[in-house]
Amino acid sequence: MVALCFTVDTHARGDIVKSVYKYNPKDYEGILGLSSDLSTFYELYEQYRADRTNDSLFALKNHWENLFFTIKHRELEGFLSPMLASETRDYLEELVNDQL
C-alpha cells in the first residue's frame, strides 16, 4: 500500500520543484482525510522550504498537528496498522524537524 518513494511537483516562487517523499497521498485515497491531509502537508512543507517565514512555519506546524491526529484516528479505526501509522508519523515529524 505504501510507495517506497514518489515525486511531487510543487510550485515554489513560480518554479516547479520536484521533491521525493516516502508516502504517496494517492495510496491513501480510500482512507478518510488522509490523502488530502498528506497532500496539504507536502504543499506546506515545500512552501516553508521556499519561504522560511514565521507564517509558513506556523502553517506547517499547525497542519502537522492535524495530520498527526488524522493518522492516529485512522490507526484506531483499523485503516492503518500500528506499525505503518508509527512509521508514517516518525517520517513526517522528521521532515518537519529537519527544517527547524
N, C-alpha and C. Protein backbone atom coordinates (compact mmCIF):
# COMPACT_ATOMS: atom_id res chain seq x y z
N MET A 1 0.82 -1.20 0.00
CA MET A 1 0.00 0.00 0.00
C MET A 1 0.86 1.26 0.00
N VAL A 2 2.07 1.21 0.53
CA VAL A 2 2.91 2.39 0.64
C VAL A 2 3.97 2.36 -0.45
N ALA A 3 4.11 3.46 -1.16
CA ALA A 3 5.16 3.59 -2.15
C ALA A 3 6.48 3.81 -1.44
N LEU A 4 7.57 3.25 -1.99
CA LEU A 4 8.87 3.49 -1.39
C LEU A 4 9.25 4.95 -1.49
N CYS A 5 8.96 5.54 -2.63
CA CYS A 5 9.14 6.97 -2.78
C CYS A 5 8.35 7.42 -4.00
N PHE A 6 8.04 8.66 -4.05
CA PHE A 6 7.36 9.21 -5.20
C PHE A 6 7.78 10.65 -5.35
N THR A 7 7.57 11.19 -6.51
CA THR A 7 7.95 12.56 -6.80
C THR A 7 6.72 13.43 -6.85
N VAL A 8 6.83 14.61 -6.27
CA VAL A 8 5.72 15.55 -6.26
C VAL A 8 6.20 16.84 -6.90
N ASP A 9 5.40 17.41 -7.77
CA ASP A 9 5.72 18.70 -8.38
C ASP A 9 4.97 19.77 -7.60
N THR A 10 5.71 20.74 -7.12
CA THR A 10 5.08 21.86 -6.44
C THR A 10 5.61 23.14 -7.05
N HIS A 11 4.88 24.18 -6.86
CA HIS A 11 5.27 25.48 -7.40
C HIS A 11 5.76 26.35 -6.25
N ALA A 12 7.06 26.58 -6.24
CA ALA A 12 7.65 27.44 -5.22
C ALA A 12 8.24 28.65 -5.92
N ARG A 13 7.70 29.80 -5.62
CA ARG A 13 8.16 31.05 -6.22
C ARG A 13 8.10 31.00 -7.74
N GLY A 14 7.09 30.35 -8.26
CA GLY A 14 6.89 30.31 -9.70
C GLY A 14 7.64 29.20 -10.41
N ASP A 15 8.57 28.54 -9.73
CA ASP A 15 9.33 27.45 -10.33
C ASP A 15 8.71 26.12 -9.93
N ILE A 16 8.86 25.13 -10.80
CA ILE A 16 8.38 23.79 -10.46
C ILE A 16 9.51 23.09 -9.70
N VAL A 17 9.19 22.59 -8.53
CA VAL A 17 10.15 21.90 -7.69
C VAL A 17 9.74 20.44 -7.63
N LYS A 18 10.69 19.54 -7.87
CA LYS A 18 10.41 18.12 -7.75
C LYS A 18 11.01 17.63 -6.44
N SER A 19 10.17 17.04 -5.62
CA SER A 19 10.61 16.52 -4.33
C SER A 19 10.22 15.06 -4.24
N VAL A 20 11.03 14.31 -3.53
CA VAL A 20 10.78 12.88 -3.36
C VAL A 20 10.37 12.63 -1.91
N TYR A 21 9.23 11.97 -1.75
CA TYR A 21 8.71 11.64 -0.43
C TYR A 21 8.42 10.15 -0.35
N LYS A 22 8.41 9.64 0.85
CA LYS A 22 8.20 8.21 1.07
C LYS A 22 6.75 7.78 0.96
N TYR A 23 5.81 8.61 1.43
CA TYR A 23 4.40 8.23 1.47
C TYR A 23 3.61 9.03 0.45
N ASN A 24 2.98 8.33 -0.49
CA ASN A 24 2.25 8.93 -1.58
C ASN A 24 0.78 9.12 -1.19
N PRO A 25 0.27 10.35 -1.23
CA PRO A 25 -1.14 10.58 -0.87
C PRO A 25 -2.12 9.74 -1.71
N LYS A 26 -1.78 9.44 -2.95
CA LYS A 26 -2.67 8.65 -3.80
C LYS A 26 -2.88 7.24 -3.26
N ASP A 27 -1.91 6.74 -2.50
CA ASP A 27 -2.05 5.41 -1.91
C ASP A 27 -3.09 5.36 -0.79
N TYR A 28 -3.53 6.53 -0.34
CA TYR A 28 -4.44 6.61 0.80
C TYR A 28 -5.78 7.26 0.44
N GLU A 29 -6.12 7.27 -0.84
CA GLU A 29 -7.35 7.93 -1.29
C GLU A 29 -8.61 7.34 -0.68
N GLY A 30 -8.60 6.06 -0.36
CA GLY A 30 -9.78 5.43 0.22
C GLY A 30 -9.90 5.59 1.72
N ILE A 31 -8.93 6.28 2.33
CA ILE A 31 -8.93 6.45 3.78
C ILE A 31 -9.30 7.89 4.10
N LEU A 32 -10.41 8.06 4.76
CA LEU A 32 -10.99 9.37 5.06
C LEU A 32 -9.95 10.38 5.55
N GLY A 33 -9.77 11.44 4.78
CA GLY A 33 -8.95 12.56 5.19
C GLY A 33 -7.45 12.41 5.03
N LEU A 34 -6.95 11.19 4.95
CA LEU A 34 -5.50 11.00 4.96
C LEU A 34 -4.84 11.48 3.67
N SER A 35 -5.42 11.16 2.54
CA SER A 35 -4.83 11.57 1.26
C SER A 35 -4.75 13.09 1.14
N SER A 36 -5.84 13.76 1.42
CA SER A 36 -5.85 15.23 1.30
C SER A 36 -4.95 15.87 2.35
N ASP A 37 -4.91 15.32 3.56
CA ASP A 37 -4.05 15.87 4.60
C ASP A 37 -2.57 15.70 4.25
N LEU A 38 -2.20 14.55 3.69
CA LEU A 38 -0.82 14.34 3.25
C LEU A 38 -0.44 15.32 2.14
N SER A 39 -1.34 15.47 1.16
CA SER A 39 -1.07 16.40 0.05
C SER A 39 -0.87 17.83 0.56
N THR A 40 -1.74 18.26 1.46
CA THR A 40 -1.63 19.60 2.02
C THR A 40 -0.34 19.74 2.82
N PHE A 41 0.01 18.72 3.59
CA PHE A 41 1.25 18.76 4.36
C PHE A 41 2.45 18.95 3.44
N TYR A 42 2.52 18.17 2.36
CA TYR A 42 3.65 18.28 1.43
C TYR A 42 3.69 19.66 0.77
N GLU A 43 2.54 20.20 0.44
CA GLU A 43 2.49 21.55 -0.15
C GLU A 43 3.01 22.59 0.84
N LEU A 44 2.55 22.51 2.08
CA LEU A 44 3.00 23.46 3.10
C LEU A 44 4.49 23.28 3.42
N TYR A 45 4.94 22.04 3.39
CA TYR A 45 6.36 21.75 3.61
C TYR A 45 7.21 22.42 2.53
N GLU A 46 6.80 22.29 1.28
CA GLU A 46 7.54 22.91 0.17
C GLU A 46 7.46 24.43 0.25
N GLN A 47 6.33 24.96 0.64
CA GLN A 47 6.21 26.41 0.81
C GLN A 47 7.18 26.91 1.87
N TYR A 48 7.29 26.18 2.97
CA TYR A 48 8.20 26.60 4.02
C TYR A 48 9.66 26.48 3.55
N ARG A 49 9.98 25.43 2.83
CA ARG A 49 11.35 25.29 2.32
C ARG A 49 11.71 26.44 1.40
N ALA A 50 10.75 26.93 0.63
CA ALA A 50 11.00 28.01 -0.32
C ALA A 50 10.97 29.38 0.34
N ASP A 51 10.17 29.53 1.38
CA ASP A 51 9.95 30.83 2.00
C ASP A 51 9.89 30.66 3.51
N ARG A 52 11.00 30.71 4.16
CA ARG A 52 11.10 30.42 5.60
C ARG A 52 10.64 31.59 6.46
N THR A 53 9.35 31.86 6.37
CA THR A 53 8.78 32.91 7.21
C THR A 53 8.08 32.28 8.41
N ASN A 54 7.81 33.11 9.40
CA ASN A 54 7.07 32.62 10.57
C ASN A 54 5.68 32.14 10.18
N ASP A 55 5.06 32.83 9.21
CA ASP A 55 3.71 32.43 8.77
C ASP A 55 3.72 31.04 8.14
N SER A 56 4.70 30.78 7.28
CA SER A 56 4.75 29.46 6.64
C SER A 56 5.12 28.37 7.64
N LEU A 57 5.98 28.71 8.61
CA LEU A 57 6.32 27.75 9.66
C LEU A 57 5.11 27.44 10.53
N PHE A 58 4.35 28.46 10.88
CA PHE A 58 3.15 28.26 11.68
C PHE A 58 2.15 27.37 10.94
N ALA A 59 1.96 27.63 9.65
CA ALA A 59 1.02 26.83 8.85
C ALA A 59 1.48 25.38 8.78
N LEU A 60 2.78 25.17 8.59
CA LEU A 60 3.32 23.80 8.52
C LEU A 60 3.13 23.08 9.85
N LYS A 61 3.50 23.71 10.95
CA LYS A 61 3.37 23.07 12.26
C LYS A 61 1.90 22.80 12.61
N ASN A 62 1.04 23.75 12.29
CA ASN A 62 -0.38 23.58 12.57
C ASN A 62 -0.94 22.40 11.78
N HIS A 63 -0.59 22.33 10.52
CA HIS A 63 -1.11 21.21 9.72
C HIS A 63 -0.48 19.89 10.15
N TRP A 64 0.78 19.90 10.58
CA TRP A 64 1.41 18.68 11.07
C TRP A 64 0.63 18.13 12.26
N GLU A 65 0.20 19.00 13.16
CA GLU A 65 -0.59 18.55 14.31
C GLU A 65 -1.91 17.93 13.85
N ASN A 66 -2.56 18.54 12.87
CA ASN A 66 -3.81 17.97 12.33
C ASN A 66 -3.55 16.61 11.68
N LEU A 67 -2.49 16.51 10.90
CA LEU A 67 -2.15 15.26 10.22
C LEU A 67 -1.80 14.17 11.23
N PHE A 68 -1.08 14.53 12.29
CA PHE A 68 -0.74 13.58 13.34
C PHE A 68 -2.00 12.90 13.87
N PHE A 69 -3.02 13.71 14.17
CA PHE A 69 -4.26 13.14 14.71
C PHE A 69 -5.08 12.41 13.66
N THR A 70 -5.00 12.84 12.41
CA THR A 70 -5.67 12.08 11.34
C THR A 70 -5.07 10.68 11.26
N ILE A 71 -3.75 10.59 11.29
CA ILE A 71 -3.08 9.28 11.24
C ILE A 71 -3.47 8.46 12.47
N LYS A 72 -3.47 9.07 13.63
CA LYS A 72 -3.83 8.36 14.86
C LYS A 72 -5.26 7.84 14.80
N HIS A 73 -6.19 8.65 14.34
CA HIS A 73 -7.58 8.21 14.23
C HIS A 73 -7.74 7.07 13.23
N ARG A 74 -7.06 7.17 12.08
CA ARG A 74 -7.18 6.10 11.09
C ARG A 74 -6.55 4.81 11.63
N GLU A 75 -5.54 4.93 12.47
CA GLU A 75 -4.96 3.76 13.12
C GLU A 75 -5.97 3.13 14.08
N LEU A 76 -6.59 3.95 14.91
CA LEU A 76 -7.56 3.43 15.88
C LEU A 76 -8.78 2.82 15.21
N GLU A 77 -9.12 3.34 14.02
CA GLU A 77 -10.25 2.81 13.27
C GLU A 77 -9.89 1.55 12.48
N GLY A 78 -8.61 1.20 12.46
CA GLY A 78 -8.17 -0.02 11.79
C GLY A 78 -7.80 0.15 10.33
N PHE A 79 -7.77 1.38 9.82
CA PHE A 79 -7.39 1.61 8.43
C PHE A 79 -5.87 1.53 8.23
N LEU A 80 -5.12 1.82 9.28
CA LEU A 80 -3.65 1.74 9.24
C LEU A 80 -3.19 0.82 10.36
N SER A 81 -2.18 0.01 10.08
CA SER A 81 -1.61 -0.82 11.13
C SER A 81 -0.85 0.08 12.10
N PRO A 82 -0.71 -0.35 13.34
CA PRO A 82 0.08 0.45 14.29
C PRO A 82 1.50 0.72 13.79
N MET A 83 2.10 -0.27 13.15
CA MET A 83 3.46 -0.10 12.64
C MET A 83 3.51 0.96 11.53
N LEU A 84 2.60 0.87 10.58
CA LEU A 84 2.57 1.84 9.47
C LEU A 84 2.26 3.24 10.00
N ALA A 85 1.33 3.35 10.91
CA ALA A 85 0.98 4.66 11.48
C ALA A 85 2.18 5.27 12.19
N SER A 86 2.89 4.47 12.97
CA SER A 86 4.06 4.95 13.69
C SER A 86 5.17 5.37 12.73
N GLU A 87 5.43 4.55 11.73
CA GLU A 87 6.48 4.87 10.75
C GLU A 87 6.14 6.15 9.98
N THR A 88 4.87 6.30 9.63
CA THR A 88 4.44 7.49 8.89
C THR A 88 4.59 8.74 9.75
N ARG A 89 4.13 8.68 10.98
CA ARG A 89 4.28 9.82 11.90
C ARG A 89 5.75 10.17 12.11
N ASP A 90 6.58 9.16 12.33
CA ASP A 90 8.01 9.40 12.55
C ASP A 90 8.65 10.06 11.33
N TYR A 91 8.32 9.56 10.15
CA TYR A 91 8.89 10.11 8.91
C TYR A 91 8.49 11.58 8.72
N LEU A 92 7.21 11.87 8.88
CA LEU A 92 6.73 13.24 8.68
C LEU A 92 7.26 14.18 9.74
N GLU A 93 7.35 13.70 10.98
CA GLU A 93 7.90 14.53 12.04
C GLU A 93 9.37 14.83 11.78
N GLU A 94 10.08 13.87 11.24
CA GLU A 94 11.48 14.09 10.89
C GLU A 94 11.62 15.14 9.80
N LEU A 95 10.72 15.12 8.83
CA LEU A 95 10.74 16.16 7.79
C LEU A 95 10.61 17.54 8.41
N VAL A 96 9.66 17.69 9.31
CA VAL A 96 9.45 18.99 9.96
C VAL A 96 10.66 19.38 10.78
N ASN A 97 11.15 18.46 11.61
CA ASN A 97 12.27 18.78 12.49
C ASN A 97 13.55 19.10 11.73
N ASP A 98 13.74 18.49 10.57
CA ASP A 98 14.92 18.78 9.75
C ASP A 98 14.91 20.20 9.22
N GLN A 99 13.75 20.81 9.14
CA GLN A 99 13.63 22.17 8.61
C GLN A 99 13.76 23.24 9.69
N LEU A 100 13.75 22.84 10.94
CA LEU A 100 13.81 23.83 12.03
C LEU A 100 15.23 24.14 12.42
